[in-house]
Amino acid sequence: MDIIVANAVVEVVNLPAIDMIEEDYDRLFTINTKGAFFTIQEAANTWG
């Protein structure tokens, strides 16, 4: 494996940032950053 494409993303549709609640932000952050991190970690385990 030479390339990793970690492209899972979620967004809150039709919701301005000013109207987001903490649960909306937590969901966005978890999917958009945690998913990419564990994808890269798993790839590193296969290379290591």
PDB file of N, CA and C in Angstrom:
ATOM      1  N   MET A   1       0.843  -1.166   0.000  1.00  0.00           N
ATOM      2  CA  MET A   1       0.000   0.000   0.000  1.00  0.00           C
ATOM      3  C   MET A   1       0.889   1.231   0.000  1.00  0.00           C
ATOM      4  N   ASP A   2       0.606   2.150  -0.922  1.00  0.00           N
ATOM      5  CA  ASP A   2       1.381   3.373  -1.022  1.00  0.00           C
ATOM      6  C   ASP A   2       0.568   4.626  -0.694  1.00  0.00           C
ATOM      7  N   ILE A   3      -0.739   4.531  -0.818  1.00  0.00           N
ATOM      8  CA  ILE A   3      -1.582   5.705  -0.632  1.00  0.00           C
ATOM      9  C   ILE A   3      -2.775   5.350   0.245  1.00  0.00           C
ATOM     10  N   ILE A   4      -3.121   6.261   1.135  1.00  0.00           N
ATOM     11  CA  ILE A   4      -4.327   6.126   1.953  1.00  0.00           C
ATOM     12  C   ILE A   4      -5.242   7.286   1.612  1.00  0.00           C
ATOM     13  N   VAL A   5      -6.494   6.990   1.370  1.00  0.00           N
ATOM     14  CA  VAL A   5      -7.478   8.039   1.155  1.00  0.00           C
ATOM     15  C   VAL A   5      -8.506   7.913   2.275  1.00  0.00           C
ATOM     16  N   ALA A   6      -8.410   8.803   3.234  1.00  0.00           N
ATOM     17  CA  ALA A   6      -9.357   8.825   4.351  1.00  0.00           C
ATOM     18  C   ALA A   6     -10.335   9.951   4.077  1.00  0.00           C
ATOM     19  N   ASN A   7     -11.461   9.625   3.475  1.00  0.00           N
ATOM     20  CA  ASN A   7     -12.354  10.683   3.007  1.00  0.00           C
ATOM     21  C   ASN A   7     -13.764  10.607   3.580  1.00  0.00           C
ATOM     22  N   ALA A   8     -13.940   9.952   4.704  1.00  0.00           N
ATOM     23  CA  ALA A   8     -15.252   9.934   5.339  1.00  0.00           C
ATOM     24  C   ALA A   8     -15.493  11.283   5.999  1.00  0.00           C
ATOM     25  N   VAL A   9     -16.566  11.920   5.626  1.00  0.00           N
ATOM     26  CA  VAL A   9     -16.872  13.241   6.163  1.00  0.00           C
ATOM     27  C   VAL A   9     -18.376  13.340   6.391  1.00  0.00           C
ATOM     28  N   VAL A  10     -18.727  14.036   7.429  1.00  0.00           N
ATOM     29  CA  VAL A  10     -20.133  14.330   7.680  1.00  0.00           C
ATOM     30  C   VAL A  10     -20.248  15.820   7.958  1.00  0.00           C
ATOM     31  N   GLU A  11     -21.353  16.391   7.594  1.00  0.00           N
ATOM     32  CA  GLU A  11     -21.589  17.798   7.873  1.00  0.00           C
ATOM     33  C   GLU A  11     -23.035  17.975   8.303  1.00  0.00           C
ATOM     34  N   VAL A  12     -23.282  19.038   9.005  1.00  0.00           N
ATOM     35  CA  VAL A  12     -24.651  19.379   9.368  1.00  0.00           C
ATOM     36  C   VAL A  12     -25.198  20.232   8.233  1.00  0.00           C
ATOM     37  N   VAL A  13     -26.157  19.701   7.522  1.00  0.00           N
ATOM     38  CA  VAL A  13     -26.693  20.381   6.352  1.00  0.00           C
ATOM     39  C   VAL A  13     -27.695  21.454   6.786  1.00  0.00           C
ATOM     40  N   ASN A  14     -27.585  22.603   6.162  1.00  0.00           N
ATOM     41  CA  ASN A  14     -28.509  23.716   6.394  1.00  0.00           C
ATOM     42  C   ASN A  14     -28.543  24.171   7.846  1.00  0.00           C
ATOM     43  N   LEU A  15     -27.412  24.120   8.507  1.00  0.00           N
ATOM     44  CA  LEU A  15     -27.353  24.586   9.887  1.00  0.00           C
ATOM     45  C   LEU A  15     -26.153  25.508  10.038  1.00  0.00           C
ATOM     46  N   PRO A  16     -26.400  26.796  10.200  1.00  0.00           N
ATOM     47  CA  PRO A  16     -25.281  27.725  10.396  1.00  0.00           C
ATOM     48  C   PRO A  16     -24.513  27.393  11.674  1.00  0.00           C
ATOM     49  N   ALA A  17     -23.233  27.663  11.681  1.00  0.00           N
ATOM     50  CA  ALA A  17     -22.405  27.362  12.849  1.00  0.00           C
ATOM     51  C   ALA A  17     -22.946  28.011  14.114  1.00  0.00           C
ATOM     52  N   ILE A  18     -23.529  29.160  13.982  1.00  0.00           N
ATOM     53  CA  ILE A  18     -24.061  29.870  15.142  1.00  0.00           C
ATOM     54  C   ILE A  18     -25.201  29.092  15.815  1.00  0.00           C
ATOM     55  N   ASP A  19     -25.869  28.226  15.054  1.00  0.00           N
ATOM     56  CA  ASP A  19     -27.001  27.459  15.583  1.00  0.00           C
ATOM     57  C   ASP A  19     -26.621  26.055  16.044  1.00  0.00           C
ATOM     58  N   MET A  20     -25.362  25.669  15.856  1.00  0.00           N
ATOM     59  CA  MET A  20     -24.945  24.324  16.259  1.00  0.00           C
ATOM     60  C   MET A  20     -24.936  24.200  17.775  1.00  0.00           C
ATOM     61  N   ILE A  21     -25.315  23.034  18.237  1.00  0.00           N
ATOM     62  CA  ILE A  21     -25.198  22.736  19.657  1.00  0.00           C
ATOM     63  C   ILE A  21     -24.003  21.818  19.846  1.00  0.00           C
ATOM     64  N   GLU A  22     -23.604  21.606  21.067  1.00  0.00           N
ATOM     65  CA  GLU A  22     -22.402  20.822  21.343  1.00  0.00           C
ATOM     66  C   GLU A  22     -22.490  19.413  20.779  1.00  0.00           C
ATOM     67  N   GLU A  23     -23.650  18.797  20.818  1.00  0.00           N
ATOM     68  CA  GLU A  23     -23.805  17.436  20.281  1.00  0.00           C
ATOM     69  C   GLU A  23     -23.560  17.399  18.770  1.00  0.00           C
ATOM     70  N   ASP A  24     -23.988  18.444  18.052  1.00  0.00           N
ATOM     71  CA  ASP A  24     -23.722  18.528  16.610  1.00  0.00           C
ATOM     72  C   ASP A  24     -22.218  18.590  16.359  1.00  0.00           C
ATOM     73  N   TYR A  25     -21.540  19.452  17.112  1.00  0.00           N
ATOM     74  CA  TYR A  25     -20.100  19.600  16.953  1.00  0.00           C
ATOM     75  C   TYR A  25     -19.370  18.310  17.303  1.00  0.00           C
ATOM     76  N   ASP A  26     -19.762  17.673  18.398  1.00  0.00           N
ATOM     77  CA  ASP A  26     -19.116  16.418  18.800  1.00  0.00           C
ATOM     78  C   ASP A  26     -19.263  15.360  17.715  1.00  0.00           C
ATOM     79  N   ARG A  27     -20.423  15.268  17.097  1.00  0.00           N
ATOM     80  CA  ARG A  27     -20.638  14.291  16.020  1.00  0.00           C
ATOM     81  C   ARG A  27     -19.726  14.602  14.831  1.00  0.00           C
ATOM     82  N   LEU A  28     -19.673  15.865  14.435  1.00  0.00           N
ATOM     83  CA  LEU A  28     -18.796  16.269  13.332  1.00  0.00           C
ATOM     84  C   LEU A  28     -17.341  15.946  13.638  1.00  0.00           C
ATOM     85  N   PHE A  29     -16.892  16.334  14.820  1.00  0.00           N
ATOM     86  CA  PHE A  29     -15.498  16.137  15.193  1.00  0.00           C
ATOM     87  C   PHE A  29     -15.145  14.661  15.249  1.00  0.00           C
ATOM     88  N   THR A  30     -16.016  13.866  15.847  1.00  0.00           N
ATOM     89  CA  THR A  30     -15.749  12.436  15.979  1.00  0.00           C
ATOM     90  C   THR A  30     -15.601  11.765  14.627  1.00  0.00           C
ATOM     91  N   ILE A  31     -16.528  11.998  13.739  1.00  0.00           N
ATOM     92  CA  ILE A  31     -16.476  11.340  12.429  1.00  0.00           C
ATOM     93  C   ILE A  31     -15.335  11.883  11.583  1.00  0.00           C
ATOM     94  N   ASN A  32     -15.179  13.196  11.562  1.00  0.00           N
ATOM     95  CA  ASN A  32     -14.213  13.811  10.650  1.00  0.00           C
ATOM     96  C   ASN A  32     -12.763  13.670  11.097  1.00  0.00           C
ATOM     97  N   THR A  33     -12.499  13.534  12.381  1.00  0.00           N
ATOM     98  CA  THR A  33     -11.114  13.411  12.820  1.00  0.00           C
ATOM     99  C   THR A  33     -10.781  12.025  13.349  1.00  0.00           C
ATOM    100  N   LYS A  34     -11.654  11.464  14.134  1.00  0.00           N
ATOM    101  CA  LYS A  34     -11.390  10.147  14.714  1.00  0.00           C
ATOM    102  C   LYS A  34     -11.341   9.073  13.618  1.00  0.00           C
ATOM    103  N   GLY A  35     -12.241   9.168  12.660  1.00  0.00           N
ATOM    104  CA  GLY A  35     -12.252   8.203  11.563  1.00  0.00           C
ATOM    105  C   GLY A  35     -10.957   8.229  10.767  1.00  0.00           C
ATOM    106  N   ALA A  36     -10.477   9.423  10.452  1.00  0.00           N
ATOM    107  CA  ALA A  36      -9.219   9.547   9.706  1.00  0.00           C
ATOM    108  C   ALA A  36      -8.052   9.021  10.530  1.00  0.00           C
ATOM    109  N   PHE A  37      -8.029   9.332  11.816  1.00  0.00           N
ATOM    110  CA  PHE A  37      -6.947   8.866  12.678  1.00  0.00           C
ATOM    111  C   PHE A  37      -6.863   7.340  12.703  1.00  0.00           C
ATOM    112  N   PHE A  38      -7.980   6.676  12.912  1.00  0.00           N
ATOM    113  CA  PHE A  38      -7.947   5.217  13.010  1.00  0.00           C
ATOM    114  C   PHE A  38      -7.695   4.542  11.661  1.00  0.00           C
ATOM    115  N   THR A  39      -8.075   5.198  10.571  1.00  0.00           N
ATOM    116  CA  THR A  39      -7.719   4.678   9.248  1.00  0.00           C
ATOM    117  C   THR A  39      -6.207   4.695   9.072  1.00  0.00           C
ATOM    118  N   ILE A  40      -5.582   5.809   9.428  1.00  0.00           N
ATOM    119  CA  ILE A  40      -4.128   5.932   9.313  1.00  0.00           C
ATOM    120  C   ILE A  40      -3.433   4.973  10.273  1.00  0.00           C
ATOM    121  N   GLN A  41      -3.964   4.834  11.469  1.00  0.00           N
ATOM    122  CA  GLN A  41      -3.377   3.921  12.442  1.00  0.00           C
ATOM    123  C   GLN A  41      -3.419   2.475  11.930  1.00  0.00           C
ATOM    124  N   GLU A  42      -4.536   2.075  11.362  1.00  0.00           N
ATOM    125  CA  GLU A  42      -4.648   0.716  10.835  1.00  0.00           C
ATOM    126  C   GLU A  42      -3.669   0.505   9.679  1.00  0.00           C
ATOM    127  N   ALA A  43      -3.539   1.485   8.814  1.00  0.00           N
ATOM    128  CA  ALA A  43      -2.574   1.374   7.713  1.00  0.00           C
ATOM    129  C   ALA A  43      -1.154   1.267   8.260  1.00  0.00           C
ATOM    130  N   ALA A  44      -0.839   2.026   9.284  1.00  0.00           N
ATOM    131  CA  ALA A  44       0.495   1.955   9.892  1.00  0.00           C
ATOM    132  C   ALA A  44       0.763   0.576  10.472  1.00  0.00           C
ATOM    133  N   ASN A  45      -0.258  -0.038  11.035  1.00  0.00           N
ATOM    134  CA  ASN A  45      -0.099  -1.395  11.578  1.00  0.00           C
ATOM    135  C   ASN A  45       0.194  -2.417  10.482  1.00  0.00           C
ATOM    136  N   THR A  46      -0.355  -2.215   9.299  1.00  0.00           N
ATOM    137  CA  THR A  46      -0.091  -3.153   8.214  1.00  0.00           C
ATOM    138  C   THR A  46       1.302  -2.955   7.626  1.00  0.00           C
ATOM    139  N   TRP A  47       1.846  -1.731   7.704  1.00  0.00           N
ATOM    140  CA  TRP A  47       3.177  -1.451   7.179  1.00  0.00           C
ATOM    141  C   TRP A  47       4.256  -1.835   8.183  1.00  0.00           C
ATOM    142  N   GLY A  48       3.923  -1.753   9.473  1.00  0.00           N
ATOM    143  CA  GLY A  48       4.925  -1.918  10.520  1.00  0.00           C
ATOM    144  C   GLY A  48       5.273  -3.321  10.745  1.00  0.00           C
TER     145      GLY A  48
END
